[in-house]
PDB file of N, CA and C in Angstrom:
ATOM      1  N   MET A   1      70.045 -86.564 -62.482  1.00  0.00           N
ATOM      2  CA  MET A   1      70.566 -85.437 -63.219  1.00  0.00           C
ATOM      3  C   MET A   1      70.480 -85.749 -64.712  1.00  0.00           C
ATOM      4  N   ARG A   2      70.156 -84.728 -65.475  1.00  0.00           N
ATOM      5  CA  ARG A   2      70.078 -84.908 -66.922  1.00  0.00           C
ATOM      6  C   ARG A   2      71.448 -84.650 -67.538  1.00  0.00           C
ATOM      7  N   TYR A   3      71.805 -85.507 -68.488  1.00  0.00           N
ATOM      8  CA  TYR A   3      73.071 -85.389 -69.208  1.00  0.00           C
ATOM      9  C   TYR A   3      72.812 -85.473 -70.701  1.00  0.00           C
ATOM     10  N   MET A   4      73.685 -84.843 -71.451  1.00  0.00           N
ATOM     11  CA  MET A   4      73.696 -85.018 -72.903  1.00  0.00           C
ATOM     12  C   MET A   4      74.941 -85.839 -73.214  1.00  0.00           C
ATOM     13  N   MET A   5      74.749 -86.912 -73.952  1.00  0.00           N
ATOM     14  CA  MET A   5      75.884 -87.705 -74.428  1.00  0.00           C
ATOM     15  C   MET A   5      76.140 -87.262 -75.861  1.00  0.00           C
ATOM     16  N   ILE A   6      77.287 -86.657 -76.088  1.00  0.00           N
ATOM     17  CA  ILE A   6      77.619 -86.097 -77.387  1.00  0.00           C
ATOM     18  C   ILE A   6      78.565 -87.057 -78.097  1.00  0.00           C
ATOM     19  N   ILE A   7      78.160 -87.518 -79.268  1.00  0.00           N
ATOM     20  CA  ILE A   7      78.900 -88.527 -80.013  1.00  0.00           C
ATOM     21  C   ILE A   7      79.917 -87.850 -80.928  1.00  0.00           C
ATOM     22  N   HIS A   8      81.165 -88.265 -80.824  1.00  0.00           N
ATOM     23  CA  HIS A   8      82.228 -87.799 -81.709  1.00  0.00           C
ATOM     24  C   HIS A   8      82.791 -89.026 -82.426  1.00  0.00           C
ATOM     25  N   HIS A   9      82.621 -89.081 -83.744  1.00  0.00           N
ATOM     26  CA  HIS A   9      83.108 -90.221 -84.525  1.00  0.00           C
ATOM     27  C   HIS A   9      84.437 -89.918 -85.174  1.00  0.00           C
ATOM     28  N   ASP A  10      85.270 -90.933 -85.248  1.00  0.00           N
ATOM     29  CA  ASP A  10      86.423 -90.928 -86.137  1.00  0.00           C
ATOM     30  C   ASP A  10      85.887 -91.533 -87.434  1.00  0.00           C
ATOM     31  N   ALA A  11      85.724 -90.711 -88.462  1.00  0.00           N
ATOM     32  CA  ALA A  11      85.079 -91.150 -89.708  1.00  0.00           C
ATOM     33  C   ALA A  11      85.776 -92.348 -90.332  1.00  0.00           C
ATOM     34  N   ASP A  12      87.112 -92.379 -90.290  1.00  0.00           N
ATOM     35  CA  ASP A  12      87.843 -93.512 -90.864  1.00  0.00           C
ATOM     36  C   ASP A  12      87.572 -94.798 -90.102  1.00  0.00           C
ATOM     37  N   ALA A  13      87.615 -94.726 -88.770  1.00  0.00           N
ATOM     38  CA  ALA A  13      87.356 -95.918 -87.955  1.00  0.00           C
ATOM     39  C   ALA A  13      85.928 -96.398 -88.145  1.00  0.00           C
ATOM     40  N   LEU A  14      84.987 -95.470 -88.219  1.00  0.00           N
ATOM     41  CA  LEU A  14      83.593 -95.851 -88.398  1.00  0.00           C
ATOM     42  C   LEU A  14      83.367 -96.493 -89.762  1.00  0.00           C
ATOM     43  N   ALA A  15      84.034 -96.002 -90.789  1.00  0.00           N
ATOM     44  CA  ALA A  15      83.898 -96.572 -92.136  1.00  0.00           C
ATOM     45  C   ALA A  15      84.417 -98.003 -92.183  1.00  0.00           C
ATOM     46  N   LYS A  16      85.404 -98.331 -91.356  1.00  0.00           N
ATOM     47  CA  LYS A  16      85.989 -99.676 -91.327  1.00  0.00           C
ATOM     48  C   LYS A  16      85.224-100.636 -90.420  1.00  0.00           C
ATOM     49  N   ALA A  17      84.290-100.110 -89.647  1.00  0.00           N
ATOM     50  CA  ALA A  17      83.525-100.941 -88.713  1.00  0.00           C
ATOM     51  C   ALA A  17      82.612-101.891 -89.479  1.00  0.00           C
ATOM     52  N   PRO A  18      82.359-103.081 -88.928  1.00  0.00           N
ATOM     53  CA  PRO A  18      81.399-103.990 -89.568  1.00  0.00           C
ATOM     54  C   PRO A  18      80.001-103.369 -89.484  1.00  0.00           C
ATOM     55  N   GLN A  19      79.496-102.880 -90.608  1.00  0.00           N
ATOM     56  CA  GLN A  19      78.282-102.061 -90.633  1.00  0.00           C
ATOM     57  C   GLN A  19      77.040-102.772 -90.097  1.00  0.00           C
ATOM     58  N   GLN A  20      76.841-104.031 -90.469  1.00  0.00           N
ATOM     59  CA  GLN A  20      75.663-104.754 -89.980  1.00  0.00           C
ATOM     60  C   GLN A  20      75.693-104.862 -88.461  1.00  0.00           C
ATOM     61  N   GLU A  21      76.849-105.184 -87.926  1.00  0.00           N
ATOM     62  CA  GLU A  21      77.000-105.307 -86.476  1.00  0.00           C
ATOM     63  C   GLU A  21      76.816-103.944 -85.800  1.00  0.00           C
ATOM     64  N   LEU A  22      77.392-102.910 -86.370  1.00  0.00           N
ATOM     65  CA  LEU A  22      77.285-101.563 -85.811  1.00  0.00           C
ATOM     66  C   LEU A  22      75.822-101.138 -85.693  1.00  0.00           C
ATOM     67  N   TRP A  23      75.050-101.291 -86.772  1.00  0.00           N
ATOM     68  CA  TRP A  23      73.664-100.841 -86.739  1.00  0.00           C
ATOM     69  C   TRP A  23      72.790-101.753 -85.884  1.00  0.00           C
ATOM     70  N   ALA A  24      73.128-103.014 -85.774  1.00  0.00           N
ATOM     71  CA  ALA A  24      72.425-103.900 -84.842  1.00  0.00           C
ATOM     72  C   ALA A  24      72.709-103.468 -83.397  1.00  0.00           C
ATOM     73  N   ASP A  25      73.960-103.103 -83.124  1.00  0.00           N
ATOM     74  CA  ASP A  25      74.321-102.601 -81.787  1.00  0.00           C
ATOM     75  C   ASP A  25      73.563-101.316 -81.476  1.00  0.00           C
ATOM     76  N   TYR A  26      73.450-100.429 -82.462  1.00  0.00           N
ATOM     77  CA  TYR A  26      72.699 -99.191 -82.255  1.00  0.00           C
ATOM     78  C   TYR A  26      71.217 -99.469 -82.018  1.00  0.00           C
ATOM     79  N   ALA A  27      70.642-100.417 -82.731  1.00  0.00           N
ATOM     80  CA  ALA A  27      69.236-100.765 -82.519  1.00  0.00           C
ATOM     81  C   ALA A  27      69.025-101.261 -81.086  1.00  0.00           C
ATOM     82  N   ALA A  28      69.928-102.106 -80.605  1.00  0.00           N
ATOM     83  CA  ALA A  28      69.831-102.618 -79.232  1.00  0.00           C
ATOM     84  C   ALA A  28      70.010-101.489 -78.215  1.00  0.00           C
ATOM     85  N   PHE A  29      70.948-100.583 -78.484  1.00  0.00           N
ATOM     86  CA  PHE A  29      71.192 -99.456 -77.579  1.00  0.00           C
ATOM     87  C   PHE A  29      69.953 -98.551 -77.519  1.00  0.00           C
ATOM     88  N   ASN A  30      69.349 -98.263 -78.668  1.00  0.00           N
ATOM     89  CA  ASN A  30      68.148 -97.427 -78.698  1.00  0.00           C
ATOM     90  C   ASN A  30      66.980 -98.099 -77.971  1.00  0.00           C
ATOM     91  N   GLN A  31      66.873 -99.429 -78.085  1.00  0.00           N
ATOM     92  CA  GLN A  31      65.835-100.155 -77.350  1.00  0.00           C
ATOM     93  C   GLN A  31      66.066-100.046 -75.847  1.00  0.00           C
ATOM     94  N   ALA A  32      67.324-100.161 -75.429  1.00  0.00           N
ATOM     95  CA  ALA A  32      67.641-100.047 -73.997  1.00  0.00           C
ATOM     96  C   ALA A  32      67.292 -98.652 -73.485  1.00  0.00           C
ATOM     97  N   LEU A  33      67.580 -97.629 -74.280  1.00  0.00           N
ATOM     98  CA  LEU A  33      67.219 -96.266 -73.885  1.00  0.00           C
ATOM     99  C   LEU A  33      65.704 -96.117 -73.764  1.00  0.00           C
ATOM    100  N   ALA A  34      64.956 -96.677 -74.711  1.00  0.00           N
ATOM    101  CA  ALA A  34      63.497 -96.586 -74.679  1.00  0.00           C
ATOM    102  C   ALA A  34      62.940 -97.281 -73.436  1.00  0.00           C
ATOM    103  N   LYS A  35      63.519 -98.419 -73.075  1.00  0.00           N
ATOM    104  CA  LYS A  35      63.067 -99.155 -71.890  1.00  0.00           C
ATOM    105  C   LYS A  35      63.421 -98.433 -70.603  1.00  0.00           C
ATOM    106  N   ALA A  36      64.465 -97.587 -70.630  1.00  0.00           N
ATOM    107  CA  ALA A  36      64.902 -96.878 -69.431  1.00  0.00           C
ATOM    108  C   ALA A  36      63.865 -95.851 -68.988  1.00  0.00           C
ATOM    109  N   GLY A  37      63.018 -95.410 -69.913  1.00  0.00           N
ATOM    110  CA  GLY A  37      61.894 -94.569 -69.543  1.00  0.00           C
ATOM    111  C   GLY A  37      62.088 -93.084 -69.739  1.00  0.00           C
ATOM    112  N   ALA A  38      61.322 -92.329 -68.947  1.00  0.00           N
ATOM    113  CA  ALA A  38      61.308 -90.871 -69.064  1.00  0.00           C
ATOM    114  C   ALA A  38      62.698 -90.296 -68.841  1.00  0.00           C
ATOM    115  N   GLY A  39      63.019 -89.270 -69.584  1.00  0.00           N
ATOM    116  CA  GLY A  39      64.320 -88.618 -69.441  1.00  0.00           C
ATOM    117  C   GLY A  39      65.378 -89.177 -70.363  1.00  0.00           C
ATOM    118  N   PHE A  40      65.065 -90.251 -71.071  1.00  0.00           N
ATOM    119  CA  PHE A  40      65.994 -90.857 -72.009  1.00  0.00           C
ATOM    120  C   PHE A  40      65.455 -90.644 -73.420  1.00  0.00           C
ATOM    121  N   SER A  41      66.317 -90.299 -74.349  1.00  0.00           N
ATOM    122  CA  SER A  41      65.861 -90.143 -75.730  1.00  0.00           C
ATOM    123  C   SER A  41      66.885 -90.734 -76.679  1.00  0.00           C
ATOM    124  N   SER A  42      66.391 -91.164 -77.832  1.00  0.00           N
ATOM    125  CA  SER A  42      67.292 -91.777 -78.801  1.00  0.00           C
ATOM    126  C   SER A  42      68.103 -90.750 -79.578  1.00  0.00           C
ATOM    127  N   GLY A  43      67.858 -89.463 -79.359  1.00  0.00           N
ATOM    128  CA  GLY A  43      68.675 -88.439 -79.998  1.00  0.00           C
ATOM    129  C   GLY A  43      68.567 -88.438 -81.507  1.00  0.00           C
ATOM    130  N   LEU A  44      69.484 -87.770 -82.143  1.00  0.00           N
ATOM    131  CA  LEU A  44      69.490 -87.666 -83.590  1.00  0.00           C
ATOM    132  C   LEU A  44      70.902 -87.832 -84.120  1.00  0.00           C
ATOM    133  N   ARG A  45      70.979 -88.402 -85.308  1.00  0.00           N
ATOM    134  CA  ARG A  45      72.254 -88.590 -85.995  1.00  0.00           C
ATOM    135  C   ARG A  45      72.440 -87.432 -86.970  1.00  0.00           C
ATOM    136  N   LEU A  46      73.645 -86.928 -87.070  1.00  0.00           N
ATOM    137  CA  LEU A  46      73.950 -85.823 -87.968  1.00  0.00           C
ATOM    138  C   LEU A  46      74.635 -86.332 -89.226  1.00  0.00           C
ATOM    139  N   HIS A  47      74.523 -85.574 -90.322  1.00  0.00           N
ATOM    140  CA  HIS A  47      75.292 -85.878 -91.524  1.00  0.00           C
ATOM    141  C   HIS A  47      76.772 -85.676 -91.220  1.00  0.00           C
ATOM    142  N   GLU A  48      77.619 -86.174 -92.096  1.00  0.00           N
ATOM    143  CA  GLU A  48      79.065 -86.029 -91.911  1.00  0.00           C
ATOM    144  C   GLU A  48      79.449 -84.561 -91.806  1.00  0.00           C
ATOM    145  N   ALA A  49      80.527 -84.291 -91.071  1.00  0.00           N
ATOM    146  CA  ALA A  49      80.975 -82.927 -90.820  1.00  0.00           C
ATOM    147  C   ALA A  49      81.393 -82.190 -92.090  1.00  0.00           C
ATOM    148  N   LYS A  50      81.787 -82.927 -93.118  1.00  0.00           N
ATOM    149  CA  LYS A  50      82.214 -82.253 -94.347  1.00  0.00           C
ATOM    150  C   LYS A  50      81.064 -81.484 -94.990  1.00  0.00           C
ATOM    151  N   GLY A  51      79.829 -81.777 -94.615  1.00  0.00           N
ATOM    152  CA  GLY A  51      78.675 -81.068 -95.140  1.00  0.00           C
ATOM    153  C   GLY A  51      78.226 -79.903 -94.263  1.00  0.00           C
ATOM    154  N   ALA A  52      79.005 -79.579 -93.237  1.00  0.00           N
ATOM    155  CA  ALA A  52      78.632 -78.517 -92.302  1.00  0.00           C
ATOM    156  C   ALA A  52      78.876 -77.131 -92.892  1.00  0.00           C
ATOM    157  N   THR A  53      78.181 -76.162 -92.342  1.00  0.00           N
ATOM    158  CA  THR A  53      78.407 -74.752 -92.631  1.00  0.00           C
ATOM    159  C   THR A  53      78.588 -74.058 -91.290  1.00  0.00           C
ATOM    160  N   VAL A  54      79.654 -73.279 -91.159  1.00  0.00           N
ATOM    161  CA  VAL A  54      79.961 -72.579 -89.910  1.00  0.00           C
ATOM    162  C   VAL A  54      79.754 -71.087 -90.133  1.00  0.00           C
ATOM    163  N   VAL A  55      79.019 -70.441 -89.210  1.00  0.00           N
ATOM    164  CA  VAL A  55      78.752 -69.015 -89.295  1.00  0.00           C
ATOM    165  C   VAL A  55      79.371 -68.329 -88.081  1.00  0.00           C
ATOM    166  N   ARG A  56      80.125 -67.269 -88.334  1.00  0.00           N
ATOM    167  CA  ARG A  56      80.701 -66.449 -87.266  1.00  0.00           C
ATOM    168  C   ARG A  56      80.308 -65.000 -87.542  1.00  0.00           C
ATOM    169  N   SER A  57      80.029 -64.270 -86.485  1.00  0.00           N
ATOM    170  CA  SER A  57      79.690 -62.861 -86.624  1.00  0.00           C
ATOM    171  C   SER A  57      80.586 -62.062 -85.696  1.00  0.00           C
ATOM    172  N   LYS A  58      81.433 -61.209 -86.288  1.00  0.00           N
ATOM    173  CA  LYS A  58      82.349 -60.379 -85.499  1.00  0.00           C
ATOM    174  C   LYS A  58      82.356 -58.973 -86.074  1.00  0.00           C
ATOM    175  N   ALA A  59      82.237 -58.006 -85.181  1.00  0.00           N
ATOM    176  CA  ALA A  59      82.290 -56.596 -85.566  1.00  0.00           C
ATOM    177  C   ALA A  59      81.320 -56.283 -86.704  1.00  0.00           C
ATOM    178  N   GLY A  60      80.132 -56.880 -86.660  1.00  0.00           N
ATOM    179  CA  GLY A  60      79.114 -56.601 -87.653  1.00  0.00           C
ATOM    180  C   GLY A  60      79.315 -57.288 -88.987  1.00  0.00           C
ATOM    181  N   LYS A  61      80.340 -58.145 -89.094  1.00  0.00           N
ATOM    182  CA  LYS A  61      80.591 -58.863 -90.346  1.00  0.00           C
ATOM    183  C   LYS A  61      80.289 -60.343 -90.152  1.00  0.00           C
ATOM    184  N   THR A  62      79.629 -60.925 -91.144  1.00  0.00           N
ATOM    185  CA  THR A  62      79.287 -62.341 -91.103  1.00  0.00           C
ATOM    186  C   THR A  62      80.268 -63.117 -91.962  1.00  0.00           C
ATOM    187  N   GLU A  63      80.811 -64.172 -91.386  1.00  0.00           N
ATOM    188  CA  GLU A  63      81.732 -65.059 -92.104  1.00  0.00           C
ATOM    189  C   GLU A  63      81.062 -66.423 -92.200  1.00  0.00           C
ATOM    190  N   VAL A  64      80.973 -66.972 -93.400  1.00  0.00           N
ATOM    191  CA  VAL A  64      80.371 -68.284 -93.620  1.00  0.00           C
ATOM    192  C   VAL A  64      81.435 -69.198 -94.206  1.00  0.00           C
ATOM    193  N   LEU A  65      81.664 -70.319 -93.531  1.00  0.00           N
ATOM    194  CA  LEU A  65      82.679 -71.280 -93.956  1.00  0.00           C
ATOM    195  C   LEU A  65      82.040 -72.627 -94.235  1.00  0.00           C
ATOM    196  N   ASP A  66      82.487 -73.288 -95.282  1.00  0.00           N
ATOM    197  CA  ASP A  66      82.036 -74.649 -95.568  1.00  0.00           C
ATOM    198  C   ASP A  66      82.943 -75.617 -94.837  1.00  0.00           C
ATOM    199  N   GLY A  67      82.345 -76.713 -94.372  1.00  0.00           N
ATOM    200  CA  GLY A  67      83.122 -77.756 -93.713  1.00  0.00           C
ATOM    201  C   GLY A  67      82.995 -77.698 -92.211  1.00  0.00           C
ATOM    202  N   PRO A  68      83.661 -78.608 -91.531  1.00  0.00           N
ATOM    203  CA  PRO A  68      83.508 -78.727 -90.074  1.00  0.00           C
ATOM    204  C   PRO A  68      84.085 -77.531 -89.331  1.00  0.00           C
ATOM    205  N   TYR A  69      83.587 -77.340 -88.124  1.00  0.00           N
ATOM    206  CA  TYR A  69      84.044 -76.257 -87.251  1.00  0.00           C
ATOM    207  C   TYR A  69      85.516 -76.420 -86.908  1.00  0.00           C
ATOM    208  N   ALA A  70      85.929 -77.645 -86.614  1.00  0.00           N
ATOM    209  CA  ALA A  70      87.319 -77.914 -86.237  1.00  0.00           C
ATOM    210  C   ALA A  70      87.904 -78.955 -87.181  1.00  0.00           C
ATOM    211  N   ASP A  71      89.172 -78.820 -87.466  1.00  0.00           N
ATOM    212  CA  ASP A  71      89.865 -79.778 -88.333  1.00  0.00           C
ATOM    213  C   ASP A  71      90.495 -80.847 -87.452  1.00  0.00           C
ATOM    214  N   THR A  72      89.679 -81.822 -87.062  1.00  0.00           N
ATOM    215  CA  THR A  72      90.143 -82.911 -86.216  1.00  0.00           C
ATOM    216  C   THR A  72      89.667 -84.225 -86.809  1.00  0.00           C
ATOM    217  N   ARG A  73      90.243 -85.323 -86.332  1.00  0.00           N
ATOM    218  CA  ARG A  73      89.804 -86.639 -86.805  1.00  0.00           C
ATOM    219  C   ARG A  73      88.394 -86.944 -86.335  1.00  0.00           C
ATOM    220  N   GLU A  74      88.072 -86.561 -85.107  1.00  0.00           N
ATOM    221  CA  GLU A  74      86.755 -86.858 -84.572  1.00  0.00           C
ATOM    222  C   GLU A  74      85.835 -85.663 -84.766  1.00  0.00           C
ATOM    223  N   GLN A  75      84.657 -85.923 -85.311  1.00  0.00           N
ATOM    224  CA  GLN A  75      83.677 -84.879 -85.587  1.00  0.00           C
ATOM    225  C   GLN A  75      82.370 -85.185 -84.864  1.00  0.00           C
ATOM    226  N   LEU A  76      81.646 -84.137 -84.515  1.00  0.00           N
ATOM    227  CA  LEU A  76      80.346 -84.291 -83.883  1.00  0.00           C
ATOM    228  C   LEU A  76      79.429 -85.087 -84.806  1.00  0.00           C
ATOM    229  N   ALA A  77      78.844 -86.155 -84.277  1.00  0.00           N
ATOM    230  CA  ALA A  77      78.039 -87.048 -85.111  1.00  0.00           C
ATOM    231  C   ALA A  77      76.593 -87.161 -84.656  1.00  0.00           C
ATOM    232  N   GLY A  78      76.306 -86.829 -83.408  1.00  0.00           N
ATOM    233  CA  GLY A  78      74.945 -86.943 -82.907  1.00  0.00           C
ATOM    234  C   GLY A  78      74.917 -86.830 -81.398  1.00  0.00           C
ATOM    235  N   TYR A  79      73.758 -87.123 -80.810  1.00  0.00           N
ATOM    236  CA  TYR A  79      73.625 -86.968 -79.364  1.00  0.00           C
ATOM    237  C   TYR A  79      72.474 -87.791 -78.811  1.00  0.00           C
ATOM    238  N   TYR A  80      72.502 -87.973 -77.497  1.00  0.00           N
ATOM    239  CA  TYR A  80      71.428 -88.607 -76.736  1.00  0.00           C
ATOM    240  C   TYR A  80      71.230 -87.808 -75.460  1.00  0.00           C
ATOM    241  N   PHE A  81      70.040 -87.880 -74.892  1.00  0.00           N
ATOM    242  CA  PHE A  81      69.794 -87.334 -73.564  1.00  0.00           C
ATOM    243  C   PHE A  81      69.486 -88.495 -72.630  1.00  0.00           C
ATOM    244  N   ILE A  82      70.046 -88.429 -71.432  1.00  0.00           N
ATOM    245  CA  ILE A  82      69.762 -89.444 -70.418  1.00  0.00           C
ATOM    246  C   ILE A  82      69.486 -88.737 -69.093  1.00  0.00           C
ATOM    247  N   ASP A  83      68.805 -89.422 -68.200  1.00  0.00           N
ATOM    248  CA  ASP A  83      68.483 -88.876 -66.887  1.00  0.00           C
ATOM    249  C   ASP A  83      68.807 -89.951 -65.861  1.00  0.00           C
ATOM    250  N   VAL A  84      69.940 -89.792 -65.190  1.00  0.00           N
ATOM    251  CA  VAL A  84      70.418 -90.778 -64.219  1.00  0.00           C
ATOM    252  C   VAL A  84      70.864 -90.055 -62.948  1.00  0.00           C
ATOM    253  N   PRO A  85      70.869 -90.740 -61.809  1.00  0.00           N
ATOM    254  CA  PRO A  85      71.217 -90.085 -60.549  1.00  0.00           C
ATOM    255  C   PRO A  85      72.702 -89.684 -60.412  1.00  0.00           C
ATOM    256  N   THR A  86      73.600 -90.418 -61.090  1.00  0.00           N
ATOM    257  CA  THR A  86      75.027 -90.162 -60.859  1.00  0.00           C
ATOM    258  C   THR A  86      75.818 -90.105 -62.164  1.00  0.00           C
ATOM    259  N   LEU A  87      76.962 -89.455 -62.099  1.00  0.00           N
ATOM    260  CA  LEU A  87      77.863 -89.419 -63.244  1.00  0.00           C
ATOM    261  C   LEU A  87      78.345 -90.829 -63.590  1.00  0.00           C
ATOM    262  N   GLU A  88      78.543 -91.664 -62.588  1.00  0.00           N
ATOM    263  CA  GLU A  88      78.989 -93.035 -62.834  1.00  0.00           C
ATOM    264  C   GLU A  88      77.987 -93.786 -63.716  1.00  0.00           C
ATOM    265  N   GLN A  89      76.700 -93.569 -63.477  1.00  0.00           N
ATOM    266  CA  GLN A  89      75.687 -94.212 -64.314  1.00  0.00           C
ATOM    267  C   GLN A  89      75.693 -93.625 -65.720  1.00  0.00           C
ATOM    268  N   ALA A  90      75.953 -92.338 -65.843  1.00  0.00           N
ATOM    269  CA  ALA A  90      76.070 -91.720 -67.164  1.00  0.00           C
ATOM    270  C   ALA A  90      77.245 -92.323 -67.926  1.00  0.00           C
ATOM    271  N   VAL A  91      78.345 -92.568 -67.226  1.00  0.00           N
ATOM    272  CA  VAL A  91      79.522 -93.195 -67.846  1.00  0.00           C
ATOM    273  C   VAL A  91      79.172 -94.598 -68.322  1.00  0.00           C
ATOM    274  N   GLU A  92      78.404 -95.332 -67.532  1.00  0.00           N
ATOM    275  CA  GLU A  92      77.985 -96.677 -67.937  1.00  0.00           C
ATOM    276  C   GLU A  92      77.176 -96.623 -69.237  1.00  0.00           C
ATOM    277  N   TRP A  93      76.238 -95.677 -69.344  1.00  0.00           N
ATOM    278  CA  TRP A  93      75.451 -95.540 -70.576  1.00  0.00           C
ATOM    279  C   TRP A  93      76.346 -95.160 -71.747  1.00  0.00           C
ATOM    280  N   ALA A  94      77.256 -94.220 -71.530  1.00  0.00           N
ATOM    281  CA  ALA A  94      78.164 -93.798 -72.607  1.00  0.00           C
ATOM    282  C   ALA A  94      79.016 -94.968 -73.080  1.00  0.00           C
ATOM    283  N   ASN A  95      79.438 -95.808 -72.161  1.00  0.00           N
ATOM    284  CA  ASN A  95      80.246 -96.976 -72.520  1.00  0.00           C
ATOM    285  C   ASN A  95      79.445 -97.984 -73.326  1.00  0.00           C
ATOM    286  N   ARG A  96      78.142 -98.064 -73.095  1.00  0.00           N
ATOM    287  CA  ARG A  96      77.272 -98.975 -73.848  1.00  0.00           C
ATOM    288  C   ARG A  96      77.011 -98.484 -75.267  1.00  0.00           C
ATOM    289  N   CYS A  97      77.194 -97.190 -75.500  1.00  0.00           N
ATOM    290  CA  CYS A  97      76.924 -96.613 -76.815  1.00  0.00           C
ATOM    291  C   CYS A  97      77.912 -97.181 -77.834  1.00  0.00           C
ATOM    292  N   PRO A  98      77.456 -97.710 -78.957  1.00  0.00           N
ATOM    293  CA  PRO A  98      78.350 -98.291 -79.956  1.00  0.00           C
ATOM    294  C   PRO A  98      79.435 -97.328 -80.442  1.00  0.00           C
ATOM    295  N   SER A  99      79.162 -96.043 -80.438  1.00  0.00           N
ATOM    296  CA  SER A  99      80.155 -95.075 -80.913  1.00  0.00           C
ATOM    297  C   SER A  99      81.373 -94.971 -80.007  1.00  0.00           C
ATOM    298  N   ALA A 100      81.274 -95.452 -78.788  1.00  0.00           N
ATOM    299  CA  ALA A 100      82.433 -95.417 -77.891  1.00  0.00           C
ATOM    300  C   ALA A 100      83.595 -96.230 -78.478  1.00  0.00           C
ATOM    301  N   LYS A 101      83.272 -97.193 -79.361  1.00  0.00           N
ATOM    302  CA  LYS A 101      84.310 -98.018 -79.999  1.00  0.00           C
ATOM    303  C   LYS A 101      84.976 -97.320 -81.181  1.00  0.00           C
ATOM    304  N   TYR A 102      84.330 -96.271 -81.723  1.00  0.00           N
ATOM    305  CA  TYR A 102      84.794 -95.662 -82.968  1.00  0.00           C
ATOM    306  C   TYR A 102      85.051 -94.163 -82.833  1.00  0.00           C
ATOM    307  N   GLY A 103      85.265 -93.707 -81.633  1.00  0.00           N
ATOM    308  CA  GLY A 103      85.506 -92.298 -81.380  1.00  0.00           C
ATOM    309  C   GLY A 103      85.386 -92.045 -79.896  1.00  0.00           C
ATOM    310  N   ALA A 104      84.544 -91.102 -79.522  1.00  0.00           N
ATOM    311  CA  ALA A 104      84.380 -90.752 -78.114  1.00  0.00           C
ATOM    312  C   ALA A 104      82.936 -90.350 -77.854  1.00  0.00           C
ATOM    313  N   VAL A 105      82.514 -90.529 -76.604  1.00  0.00           N
ATOM    314  CA  VAL A 105      81.214 -90.068 -76.159  1.00  0.00           C
ATOM    315  C   VAL A 105      81.464 -89.095 -75.017  1.00  0.00           C
ATOM    316  N   GLU A 106      81.149 -87.846 -75.254  1.00  0.00           N
ATOM    317  CA  GLU A 106      81.333 -86.791 -74.251  1.00  0.00           C
ATOM    318  C   GLU A 106      80.056 -86.686 -73.432  1.00  0.00           C
ATOM    319  N   ILE A 107      80.185 -86.594 -72.116  1.00  0.00           N
ATOM    320  CA  ILE A 107      79.039 -86.484 -71.217  1.00  0.00           C
ATOM    321  C   ILE A 107      79.036 -85.072 -70.647  1.00  0.00           C
ATOM    322  N   ARG A 108      77.911 -84.363 -70.836  1.00  0.00           N
ATOM    323  CA  ARG A 108      77.808 -83.001 -70.319  1.00  0.00           C
ATOM    324  C   ARG A 108      76.522 -82.867 -69.520  1.00  0.00           C
ATOM    325  N   PRO A 109      76.604 -82.362 -68.280  1.00  0.00           N
ATOM    326  CA  PRO A 109      75.379 -82.123 -67.501  1.00  0.00           C
ATOM    327  C   PRO A 109      74.549 -81.021 -68.156  1.00  0.00           C
ATOM    328  N   ILE A 110      73.231 -81.163 -68.054  1.00  0.00           N
ATOM    329  CA  ILE A 110      72.306 -80.155 -68.560  1.00  0.00           C
ATOM    330  C   ILE A 110      72.086 -79.133 -67.454  1.00  0.00           C
ATOM    331  N   VAL A 111      72.130 -77.860 -67.803  1.00  0.00           N
ATOM    332  CA  VAL A 111      71.833 -76.806 -66.837  1.00  0.00           C
ATOM    333  C   VAL A 111      70.316 -76.757 -66.681  1.00  0.00           C
ATOM    334  N   GLU A 112      69.862 -77.070 -65.497  1.00  0.00           N
ATOM    335  CA  GLU A 112      68.427 -77.076 -65.240  1.00  0.00           C
ATOM    336  C   GLU A 112      67.966 -75.654 -64.938  1.00  0.00           C
ATOM    337  N   GLN A 113      66.836 -75.283 -65.510  1.00  0.00           N
ATOM    338  CA  GLN A 113      66.255 -73.967 -65.262  1.00  0.00           C
ATOM    339  C   GLN A 113      65.595 -73.967 -63.882  1.00  0.00           C
ATOM    340  N   THR A 114      65.860 -72.948 -63.100  1.00  0.00           N
ATOM    341  CA  THR A 114      65.253 -72.841 -61.780  1.00  0.00           C
ATOM    342  C   THR A 114      64.225 -71.725 -61.794  1.00  0.00           C
ATOM    343  N   ALA A 115      63.215 -71.896 -60.992  1.00  0.00           N
ATOM    344  CA  ALA A 115      62.176 -70.861 -60.903  1.00  0.00           C
ATOM    345  C   ALA A 115      62.747 -69.640 -60.179  1.00  0.00           C
ATOM    346  N   SER A 116      62.406 -68.462 -60.667  1.00  0.00           N
ATOM    347  CA  SER A 116      62.901 -67.214 -60.061  1.00  0.00           C
ATOM    348  C   SER A 116      62.061 -66.793 -58.902  1.00  0.00           C
TER     349      SER A 116
END
């Protein structure tokens, strides 16, 4: 089953993390994903949430807001795709992700398109 691992960082905790170790851990994690083969991707990292723009459209009116969608400590920071047989294996991959130490890794199944 395909899953998306959605990274949520606590910006303060991440700023206090030993940066050299953090990025070395990420390099190793990305190598492990590459070795895992088809269905795994290194994903993309996002800029900090304070640089976000949120757009809402209601009753024909567009509202544009600067800043993150939600005012929480943890903000969406990036994502990975994995393809594993079980949720337990997805949890194992999420636990290996360095961001699990500095926020949370949300695992969401991908809705597979079926032929009509």
